[in-house]
């Protein structure tokens, strides 16, 4: 039995998990925002020309070049889906404090989780294709790493929230 004023080990573990989830709820959206606005990759061709597009610039460029359908698909899957997923995770975490985990967000989050790392994989394929074709050199940039970190944090947070829900 713990001494008066001391925290039981189980309570300490629960507090650590709550703080960890809170940190992930803050860090995941920050990483997503940085992943959207920072350059994803750098293409170098002929050592003179270099491009470092961000995800937001890619969507705007697609729209401006008349590829509205592709811009909408890329914007939805790469920006809107992850943002809605993070909102759903925040709603799920707040509902966890109150007890109920039912409703629209509880149904949407698992669906959106299936798309989490798809963009990171696609950028990796583009980098591989550019390097193997010999037309350009491609290098990862901080935006890709922040985007990947957001996806990983969201996945870990979703797992942590679902295991906490089952433990109750």
N, C-alpha and C. Protein backbone atom coordinates (compact mmCIF):
# COMPACT_ATOMS: atom_id res chain seq x y z
N UNK A 1 0.85 -1.18 0.00
CA UNK A 1 0.00 0.00 0.00
C UNK A 1 0.89 1.24 0.00
N UNK A 2 0.65 2.18 -0.90
CA UNK A 2 1.48 3.38 -0.97
C UNK A 2 1.29 4.26 0.25
N UNK A 3 2.34 4.99 0.59
CA UNK A 3 2.27 5.92 1.71
C UNK A 3 1.30 7.05 1.36
N UNK A 4 0.86 7.74 2.41
CA UNK A 4 -0.08 8.83 2.21
C UNK A 4 0.55 9.89 1.31
N UNK A 5 -0.18 10.33 0.29
CA UNK A 5 0.33 11.33 -0.64
C UNK A 5 1.11 10.74 -1.80
N UNK A 6 1.48 9.47 -1.72
CA UNK A 6 2.22 8.82 -2.81
C UNK A 6 1.24 8.34 -3.88
N UNK A 7 1.72 8.27 -5.09
CA UNK A 7 0.90 7.83 -6.21
C UNK A 7 1.14 6.35 -6.43
N UNK A 8 0.08 5.59 -6.56
CA UNK A 8 0.20 4.15 -6.82
C UNK A 8 0.85 3.94 -8.18
N UNK A 9 1.63 2.86 -8.33
CA UNK A 9 2.31 2.61 -9.61
C UNK A 9 1.36 2.54 -10.80
N UNK A 10 0.20 1.95 -10.62
CA UNK A 10 -0.77 1.86 -11.71
C UNK A 10 -1.28 3.23 -12.10
N UNK A 11 -1.53 4.09 -11.10
CA UNK A 11 -1.97 5.45 -11.38
C UNK A 11 -0.90 6.21 -12.13
N UNK A 12 0.36 5.99 -11.79
CA UNK A 12 1.48 6.64 -12.46
C UNK A 12 1.55 6.22 -13.92
N UNK A 13 1.32 4.95 -14.19
CA UNK A 13 1.33 4.45 -15.57
C UNK A 13 0.18 5.06 -16.37
N UNK A 14 -0.98 5.16 -15.76
CA UNK A 14 -2.14 5.76 -16.43
C UNK A 14 -1.86 7.23 -16.72
N UNK A 15 -1.25 7.93 -15.78
CA UNK A 15 -0.91 9.34 -15.99
C UNK A 15 0.10 9.49 -17.11
N UNK A 16 1.09 8.62 -17.17
CA UNK A 16 2.08 8.68 -18.25
C UNK A 16 1.42 8.49 -19.61
N UNK A 17 0.51 7.53 -19.69
CA UNK A 17 -0.19 7.27 -20.95
C UNK A 17 -1.06 8.46 -21.35
N UNK A 18 -1.70 9.10 -20.38
CA UNK A 18 -2.51 10.28 -20.68
C UNK A 18 -1.66 11.41 -21.22
N UNK A 19 -0.50 11.63 -20.60
CA UNK A 19 0.41 12.68 -21.06
C UNK A 19 0.97 12.35 -22.44
N UNK A 20 1.27 11.08 -22.67
CA UNK A 20 1.78 10.65 -23.97
C UNK A 20 0.73 10.88 -25.06
N UNK A 21 -0.51 10.50 -24.78
CA UNK A 21 -1.59 10.73 -25.74
C UNK A 21 -1.80 12.22 -25.98
N UNK A 22 -1.75 13.02 -24.94
CA UNK A 22 -1.90 14.47 -25.09
C UNK A 22 -0.78 15.04 -25.95
N UNK A 23 0.44 14.58 -25.73
CA UNK A 23 1.57 15.05 -26.54
C UNK A 23 1.39 14.66 -28.00
N UNK A 24 0.92 13.43 -28.24
CA UNK A 24 0.70 12.99 -29.62
C UNK A 24 -0.43 13.77 -30.27
N UNK A 25 -1.47 14.14 -29.49
CA UNK A 25 -2.57 14.94 -30.03
C UNK A 25 -2.11 16.33 -30.45
N UNK A 26 -1.06 16.83 -29.82
CA UNK A 26 -0.51 18.14 -30.19
C UNK A 26 0.51 17.99 -31.31
N UNK A 27 1.39 17.00 -31.21
CA UNK A 27 2.47 16.85 -32.18
C UNK A 27 1.99 16.40 -33.56
N UNK A 28 1.01 15.51 -33.63
CA UNK A 28 0.56 14.99 -34.92
C UNK A 28 0.02 16.09 -35.83
N UNK A 29 -0.85 16.98 -35.37
CA UNK A 29 -1.30 18.07 -36.26
C UNK A 29 -0.17 19.04 -36.63
N UNK A 30 0.74 19.28 -35.70
CA UNK A 30 1.88 20.15 -36.01
C UNK A 30 2.72 19.54 -37.12
N UNK A 31 2.99 18.24 -37.01
CA UNK A 31 3.77 17.55 -38.04
C UNK A 31 3.03 17.54 -39.37
N UNK A 32 1.71 17.34 -39.34
CA UNK A 32 0.93 17.37 -40.58
C UNK A 32 1.02 18.74 -41.24
N UNK A 33 0.86 19.80 -40.47
CA UNK A 33 0.93 21.15 -41.03
C UNK A 33 2.32 21.40 -41.65
N UNK A 34 3.37 21.00 -40.94
CA UNK A 34 4.72 21.18 -41.49
C UNK A 34 4.93 20.30 -42.72
N UNK A 35 4.37 19.10 -42.69
CA UNK A 35 4.49 18.21 -43.84
C UNK A 35 3.78 18.73 -45.08
N UNK A 36 2.74 19.52 -44.89
CA UNK A 36 1.99 20.06 -46.02
C UNK A 36 2.69 21.27 -46.63
N UNK A 37 3.31 22.11 -45.80
CA UNK A 37 3.89 23.37 -46.32
C UNK A 37 5.39 23.30 -46.60
N UNK A 38 6.11 22.40 -45.96
CA UNK A 38 7.55 22.29 -46.23
C UNK A 38 7.79 21.45 -47.48
N UNK A 39 8.92 21.65 -48.16
CA UNK A 39 9.22 20.85 -49.34
C UNK A 39 9.25 19.36 -49.02
N UNK A 40 8.63 18.55 -49.91
CA UNK A 40 8.62 17.09 -49.75
C UNK A 40 9.89 16.46 -50.30
N UNK A 41 10.30 16.92 -51.45
CA UNK A 41 11.48 16.37 -52.08
C UNK A 41 12.13 17.42 -52.95
N UNK A 42 13.38 17.15 -53.32
CA UNK A 42 14.13 18.06 -54.17
C UNK A 42 14.54 17.30 -55.42
N UNK A 43 14.18 17.85 -56.57
CA UNK A 43 14.60 17.28 -57.84
C UNK A 43 15.73 18.14 -58.39
N UNK A 44 16.79 17.51 -58.78
CA UNK A 44 17.89 18.23 -59.43
C UNK A 44 18.10 17.62 -60.80
N UNK A 45 18.07 18.48 -61.82
CA UNK A 45 18.33 18.02 -63.18
C UNK A 45 19.48 18.82 -63.75
N UNK A 46 20.42 18.15 -64.32
CA UNK A 46 21.58 18.76 -64.97
C UNK A 46 22.39 19.67 -64.05
N UNK A 47 22.31 19.48 -62.77
CA UNK A 47 23.03 20.24 -61.77
C UNK A 47 22.73 21.74 -61.77
N UNK A 48 21.85 22.21 -62.65
CA UNK A 48 21.55 23.63 -62.71
C UNK A 48 20.14 23.94 -62.20
N UNK A 49 19.24 23.04 -62.48
CA UNK A 49 17.85 23.27 -62.12
C UNK A 49 17.48 22.44 -60.91
N UNK A 50 16.77 23.08 -60.01
CA UNK A 50 16.36 22.38 -58.79
C UNK A 50 14.94 22.81 -58.43
N UNK A 51 14.12 21.85 -58.06
CA UNK A 51 12.76 22.14 -57.61
C UNK A 51 12.55 21.48 -56.26
N UNK A 52 11.88 22.18 -55.35
CA UNK A 52 11.55 21.63 -54.04
C UNK A 52 10.08 21.91 -53.73
N UNK A 53 9.17 21.16 -54.34
CA UNK A 53 7.74 21.43 -54.12
C UNK A 53 7.25 20.90 -52.77
N UNK A 54 6.33 21.65 -52.19
CA UNK A 54 5.63 21.17 -51.00
C UNK A 54 4.34 20.52 -51.46
N UNK A 55 3.67 19.83 -50.57
CA UNK A 55 2.41 19.19 -50.89
C UNK A 55 1.36 20.22 -51.29
N UNK A 56 1.31 21.33 -50.58
CA UNK A 56 0.36 22.40 -50.91
C UNK A 56 0.67 22.97 -52.29
N UNK A 57 1.94 23.17 -52.60
CA UNK A 57 2.33 23.70 -53.91
C UNK A 57 1.97 22.72 -55.03
N UNK A 58 2.11 21.43 -54.77
CA UNK A 58 1.76 20.43 -55.78
C UNK A 58 0.27 20.49 -56.09
N UNK A 59 -0.56 20.59 -55.06
CA UNK A 59 -2.01 20.65 -55.27
C UNK A 59 -2.38 21.93 -56.02
N UNK A 60 -1.81 23.06 -55.62
CA UNK A 60 -2.10 24.33 -56.29
C UNK A 60 -1.63 24.29 -57.74
N UNK A 61 -0.47 23.72 -57.97
CA UNK A 61 0.08 23.62 -59.32
C UNK A 61 -0.81 22.74 -60.21
N UNK A 62 -1.26 21.63 -59.67
CA UNK A 62 -2.17 20.76 -60.43
C UNK A 62 -3.45 21.53 -60.81
N UNK A 63 -3.98 22.26 -59.86
CA UNK A 63 -5.20 23.03 -60.10
C UNK A 63 -4.97 24.09 -61.16
N UNK A 64 -3.86 24.82 -61.03
CA UNK A 64 -3.53 25.90 -61.95
C UNK A 64 -3.27 25.39 -63.37
N UNK A 65 -2.71 24.18 -63.48
CA UNK A 65 -2.39 23.61 -64.79
C UNK A 65 -3.58 22.92 -65.45
N UNK A 66 -4.76 23.03 -64.84
CA UNK A 66 -5.96 22.48 -65.45
C UNK A 66 -6.27 21.04 -65.06
N UNK A 67 -5.58 20.51 -64.09
CA UNK A 67 -5.83 19.14 -63.61
C UNK A 67 -6.64 19.19 -62.33
N UNK A 68 -7.83 19.78 -62.43
CA UNK A 68 -8.65 19.99 -61.24
C UNK A 68 -9.03 18.68 -60.56
N UNK A 69 -9.37 17.67 -61.34
CA UNK A 69 -9.75 16.38 -60.76
C UNK A 69 -8.62 15.77 -59.95
N UNK A 70 -7.43 15.77 -60.53
CA UNK A 70 -6.27 15.23 -59.83
C UNK A 70 -5.93 16.08 -58.60
N UNK A 71 -6.05 17.39 -58.74
CA UNK A 71 -5.78 18.28 -57.60
C UNK A 71 -6.74 17.98 -56.45
N UNK A 72 -8.01 17.73 -56.77
CA UNK A 72 -9.01 17.43 -55.74
C UNK A 72 -8.69 16.09 -55.07
N UNK A 73 -8.36 15.08 -55.88
CA UNK A 73 -8.04 13.76 -55.31
C UNK A 73 -6.82 13.84 -54.41
N UNK A 74 -5.75 14.48 -54.90
CA UNK A 74 -4.52 14.60 -54.10
C UNK A 74 -4.78 15.41 -52.84
N UNK A 75 -5.53 16.52 -52.99
CA UNK A 75 -5.85 17.35 -51.83
C UNK A 75 -6.67 16.61 -50.79
N UNK A 76 -7.66 15.84 -51.26
CA UNK A 76 -8.50 15.07 -50.33
C UNK A 76 -7.70 14.01 -49.60
N UNK A 77 -6.98 13.18 -50.36
CA UNK A 77 -6.27 12.05 -49.76
C UNK A 77 -5.07 12.50 -48.95
N UNK A 78 -4.38 13.55 -49.41
CA UNK A 78 -3.13 13.95 -48.76
C UNK A 78 -3.30 14.99 -47.65
N UNK A 79 -4.33 15.81 -47.75
CA UNK A 79 -4.47 16.91 -46.79
C UNK A 79 -5.75 16.77 -45.97
N UNK A 80 -6.88 16.62 -46.64
CA UNK A 80 -8.17 16.61 -45.93
C UNK A 80 -8.34 15.34 -45.10
N UNK A 81 -8.10 14.15 -45.70
CA UNK A 81 -8.25 12.90 -44.95
C UNK A 81 -7.41 12.89 -43.67
N UNK A 82 -6.10 13.22 -43.74
CA UNK A 82 -5.32 13.21 -42.50
C UNK A 82 -5.81 14.24 -41.47
N UNK A 83 -6.25 15.41 -41.95
CA UNK A 83 -6.75 16.42 -41.01
C UNK A 83 -8.03 15.94 -40.33
N UNK A 84 -8.95 15.35 -41.10
CA UNK A 84 -10.19 14.83 -40.52
C UNK A 84 -9.88 13.68 -39.56
N UNK A 85 -8.90 12.85 -39.94
CA UNK A 85 -8.52 11.74 -39.05
C UNK A 85 -8.01 12.29 -37.72
N UNK A 86 -7.18 13.32 -37.76
CA UNK A 86 -6.66 13.90 -36.52
C UNK A 86 -7.78 14.53 -35.69
N UNK A 87 -8.75 15.15 -36.35
CA UNK A 87 -9.91 15.68 -35.63
C UNK A 87 -10.70 14.54 -34.99
N UNK A 88 -10.85 13.46 -35.74
CA UNK A 88 -11.55 12.29 -35.20
C UNK A 88 -10.83 11.69 -34.00
N UNK A 89 -9.49 11.64 -34.09
CA UNK A 89 -8.72 11.12 -32.95
C UNK A 89 -8.85 12.03 -31.73
N UNK A 90 -8.86 13.34 -31.98
CA UNK A 90 -9.05 14.27 -30.86
C UNK A 90 -10.44 14.09 -30.24
N UNK A 91 -11.46 13.93 -31.10
CA UNK A 91 -12.82 13.71 -30.59
C UNK A 91 -12.89 12.39 -29.83
N UNK A 92 -12.21 11.37 -30.35
CA UNK A 92 -12.19 10.06 -29.68
C UNK A 92 -11.49 10.15 -28.32
N UNK A 93 -10.40 10.91 -28.27
CA UNK A 93 -9.68 11.07 -27.00
C UNK A 93 -10.54 11.82 -25.99
N UNK A 94 -11.22 12.86 -26.45
CA UNK A 94 -12.09 13.62 -25.54
C UNK A 94 -13.30 12.80 -25.12
N UNK A 95 -13.83 11.99 -26.02
CA UNK A 95 -14.96 11.13 -25.67
C UNK A 95 -14.52 10.06 -24.69
N UNK A 96 -13.25 9.65 -24.79
CA UNK A 96 -12.70 8.65 -23.88
C UNK A 96 -12.72 9.14 -22.45
N UNK A 97 -12.52 10.46 -22.29
CA UNK A 97 -12.58 11.03 -20.95
C UNK A 97 -14.00 10.97 -20.41
N UNK A 98 -15.00 11.07 -21.32
CA UNK A 98 -16.39 11.03 -20.90
C UNK A 98 -16.99 9.64 -20.92
N UNK A 99 -16.33 8.74 -21.65
CA UNK A 99 -16.80 7.37 -21.66
C UNK A 99 -17.34 6.85 -22.97
N UNK A 100 -18.00 7.67 -23.80
CA UNK A 100 -18.64 7.17 -25.02
C UNK A 100 -17.70 7.24 -26.21
N UNK A 101 -17.64 6.14 -26.99
CA UNK A 101 -16.81 6.10 -28.19
C UNK A 101 -17.65 5.73 -29.41
N UNK A 102 -18.86 6.20 -29.49
CA UNK A 102 -19.74 5.86 -30.59
C UNK A 102 -19.96 7.09 -31.45
N UNK A 103 -20.47 6.87 -32.62
CA UNK A 103 -20.82 7.99 -33.48
C UNK A 103 -20.03 8.01 -34.76
N UNK A 104 -20.19 9.11 -35.48
CA UNK A 104 -19.59 9.27 -36.80
C UNK A 104 -18.07 9.21 -36.75
N UNK A 105 -17.45 9.91 -35.84
CA UNK A 105 -15.98 9.94 -35.77
C UNK A 105 -15.41 8.56 -35.46
N UNK A 106 -16.08 7.81 -34.64
CA UNK A 106 -15.60 6.46 -34.33
C UNK A 106 -15.64 5.56 -35.56
N UNK A 107 -16.54 5.85 -36.48
CA UNK A 107 -16.63 5.07 -37.72
C UNK A 107 -15.65 5.57 -38.77
N UNK A 108 -15.40 6.88 -38.80
CA UNK A 108 -14.53 7.48 -39.82
C UNK A 108 -13.06 7.19 -39.57
N UNK A 109 -12.62 7.26 -38.34
CA UNK A 109 -11.19 7.13 -38.03
C UNK A 109 -10.61 5.81 -38.53
N UNK A 110 -11.22 4.66 -38.28
CA UNK A 110 -10.64 3.42 -38.82
C UNK A 110 -10.58 3.40 -40.35
N UNK A 111 -11.59 3.98 -41.02
CA UNK A 111 -11.59 4.04 -42.47
C UNK A 111 -10.41 4.89 -42.97
N UNK A 112 -10.21 6.06 -42.36
CA UNK A 112 -9.13 6.95 -42.78
C UNK A 112 -7.76 6.40 -42.41
N UNK A 113 -7.69 5.56 -41.41
CA UNK A 113 -6.41 4.96 -41.00
C UNK A 113 -5.81 4.12 -42.11
N UNK A 114 -6.66 3.56 -42.96
CA UNK A 114 -6.17 2.72 -44.05
C UNK A 114 -5.38 3.51 -45.07
N UNK A 115 -5.56 4.83 -45.12
CA UNK A 115 -4.88 5.68 -46.10
C UNK A 115 -3.64 6.35 -45.54
N UNK A 116 -3.31 6.11 -44.29
CA UNK A 116 -2.31 6.89 -43.57
C UNK A 116 -0.96 7.05 -44.26
N UNK A 117 -0.34 5.96 -44.64
CA UNK A 117 1.02 6.04 -45.16
C UNK A 117 1.08 5.98 -46.69
N UNK A 118 -0.05 6.05 -47.35
CA UNK A 118 -0.06 5.93 -48.80
C UNK A 118 0.75 7.03 -49.47
N UNK A 119 0.62 8.28 -49.02
CA UNK A 119 1.34 9.38 -49.65
C UNK A 119 2.84 9.25 -49.48
N UNK A 120 3.25 8.81 -48.31
CA UNK A 120 4.68 8.63 -48.07
C UNK A 120 5.22 7.57 -49.03
N UNK A 121 4.46 6.51 -49.22
CA UNK A 121 4.87 5.45 -50.14
C UNK A 121 4.93 5.98 -51.58
N UNK A 122 3.95 6.78 -51.98
CA UNK A 122 3.96 7.33 -53.33
C UNK A 122 5.16 8.24 -53.58
N UNK A 123 5.51 9.07 -52.62
CA UNK A 123 6.69 9.93 -52.77
C UNK A 123 7.95 9.09 -52.85
N UNK A 124 8.02 8.02 -52.07
CA UNK A 124 9.18 7.13 -52.14
C UNK A 124 9.29 6.49 -53.52
N UNK A 125 8.16 6.12 -54.11
CA UNK A 125 8.17 5.55 -55.46
C UNK A 125 8.63 6.58 -56.48
N UNK A 126 8.18 7.84 -56.35
CA UNK A 126 8.60 8.90 -57.26
C UNK A 126 10.11 9.11 -57.16
N UNK A 127 10.63 9.12 -55.93
CA UNK A 127 12.08 9.30 -55.75
C UNK A 127 12.83 8.14 -56.39
N UNK A 128 12.37 6.92 -56.19
CA UNK A 128 13.01 5.75 -56.79
C UNK A 128 12.96 5.84 -58.31
N UNK A 129 11.80 6.22 -58.86
CA UNK A 129 11.66 6.31 -60.32
C UNK A 129 12.58 7.39 -60.90
N UNK A 130 12.67 8.53 -60.23
CA UNK A 130 13.54 9.60 -60.72
C UNK A 130 15.00 9.18 -60.69
N UNK A 131 15.40 8.51 -59.63
CA UNK A 131 16.80 8.08 -59.52
C UNK A 131 17.13 6.97 -60.51
N UNK A 132 16.21 6.04 -60.69
CA UNK A 132 16.50 4.91 -61.57
C UNK A 132 16.40 5.27 -63.05
N UNK A 133 15.64 6.34 -63.38
CA UNK A 133 15.51 6.73 -64.79
C UNK A 133 16.72 7.50 -65.28
N UNK A 134 17.46 8.11 -64.38
CA UNK A 134 18.62 8.90 -64.78
C UNK A 134 18.26 10.30 -65.24
N UNK A 135 16.97 10.64 -65.28
CA UNK A 135 16.56 11.97 -65.74
C UNK A 135 16.80 13.03 -64.67
N UNK A 136 16.74 12.64 -63.43
CA UNK A 136 16.90 13.61 -62.35
C UNK A 136 17.40 12.90 -61.11
N UNK A 137 17.96 13.66 -60.23
CA UNK A 137 18.29 13.18 -58.90
C UNK A 137 17.18 13.67 -57.97
N UNK A 138 16.74 12.82 -57.09
CA UNK A 138 15.66 13.18 -56.17
C UNK A 138 16.12 12.90 -54.74
N UNK A 139 15.82 13.83 -53.86
CA UNK A 139 16.24 13.72 -52.46
C UNK A 139 15.07 14.08 -51.56
N UNK A 140 14.94 13.35 -50.47
CA UNK A 140 13.87 13.67 -49.52
C UNK A 140 14.18 14.99 -48.82
N UNK A 141 13.12 15.66 -48.43
CA UNK A 141 13.22 16.94 -47.73
C UNK A 141 12.41 16.85 -46.43
N UNK A 142 12.54 17.83 -45.55
CA UNK A 142 11.88 17.76 -44.24
C UNK A 142 10.37 17.56 -44.29
N UNK A 143 9.69 18.09 -45.30
CA UNK A 143 8.24 17.94 -45.38
C UNK A 143 7.81 16.49 -45.40
N UNK A 144 8.56 15.65 -46.12
CA UNK A 144 8.21 14.22 -46.18
C UNK A 144 8.36 13.58 -44.81
N UNK A 145 9.40 13.93 -44.09
CA UNK A 145 9.62 13.34 -42.76
C UNK A 145 8.58 13.80 -41.76
N UNK A 146 8.19 15.08 -41.83
CA UNK A 146 7.13 15.56 -40.94
C UNK A 146 5.79 14.90 -41.29
N UNK A 147 5.52 14.74 -42.58
CA UNK A 147 4.29 14.08 -43.01
C UNK A 147 4.25 12.64 -42.51
N UNK A 148 5.37 11.94 -42.67
CA UNK A 148 5.46 10.55 -42.19
C UNK A 148 5.31 10.49 -40.68
N UNK A 149 5.93 11.44 -39.97
CA UNK A 149 5.82 11.48 -38.51
C UNK A 149 4.37 11.68 -38.08
N UNK A 150 3.65 12.54 -38.80
CA UNK A 150 2.24 12.76 -38.48
C UNK A 150 1.44 11.48 -38.65
N UNK A 151 1.70 10.76 -39.75
CA UNK A 151 0.98 9.49 -39.99
C UNK A 151 1.29 8.47 -38.91
N UNK A 152 2.57 8.38 -38.54
CA UNK A 152 2.95 7.42 -37.50
C UNK A 152 2.36 7.79 -36.14
N UNK A 153 2.43 9.07 -35.79
CA UNK A 153 1.85 9.51 -34.51
C UNK A 153 0.35 9.26 -34.48
N UNK A 154 -0.34 9.54 -35.59
CA UNK A 154 -1.78 9.30 -35.64
C UNK A 154 -2.08 7.81 -35.49
N UNK A 155 -1.28 6.96 -36.13
CA UNK A 155 -1.49 5.52 -36.00
C UNK A 155 -1.26 5.03 -34.58
N UNK A 156 -0.20 5.53 -33.96
CA UNK A 156 0.08 5.15 -32.57
C UNK A 156 -1.01 5.66 -31.64
N UNK A 157 -1.46 6.87 -31.89
CA UNK A 157 -2.52 7.45 -31.06
C UNK A 157 -3.81 6.65 -31.22
N UNK A 158 -4.15 6.30 -32.45
CA UNK A 158 -5.35 5.50 -32.69
C UNK A 158 -5.25 4.16 -31.97
N UNK A 159 -4.10 3.53 -32.07
CA UNK A 159 -3.89 2.24 -31.38
C UNK A 159 -4.01 2.43 -29.86
N UNK A 160 -3.38 3.47 -29.35
CA UNK A 160 -3.43 3.73 -27.90
C UNK A 160 -4.83 4.01 -27.41
N UNK A 161 -5.61 4.75 -28.21
CA UNK A 161 -6.98 5.05 -27.81
C UNK A 161 -7.87 3.83 -27.90
N UNK A 162 -7.64 2.98 -28.91
CA UNK A 162 -8.48 1.79 -29.03
C UNK A 162 -8.15 0.76 -27.96
N UNK A 163 -6.87 0.63 -27.57
CA UNK A 163 -6.54 -0.30 -26.50
C UNK A 163 -7.01 0.23 -25.15
N UNK A 164 -6.99 1.55 -24.99
CA UNK A 164 -7.49 2.13 -23.74
C UNK A 164 -8.99 1.93 -23.64
N UNK A 165 -9.69 2.00 -24.78
CA UNK A 165 -11.14 1.78 -24.78
C UNK A 165 -11.50 0.35 -24.43
N UNK A 166 -10.67 -0.60 -24.88
CA UNK A 166 -10.94 -2.02 -24.57
C UNK A 166 -10.59 -2.35 -23.12
N UNK A 167 -9.65 -1.60 -22.55
CA UNK A 167 -9.22 -1.89 -21.17
C UNK A 167 -10.28 -1.46 -20.16
N UNK A 168 -11.17 -0.55 -20.58
CA UNK A 168 -12.18 -0.06 -19.62
C UNK A 168 -13.22 -1.04 -19.34
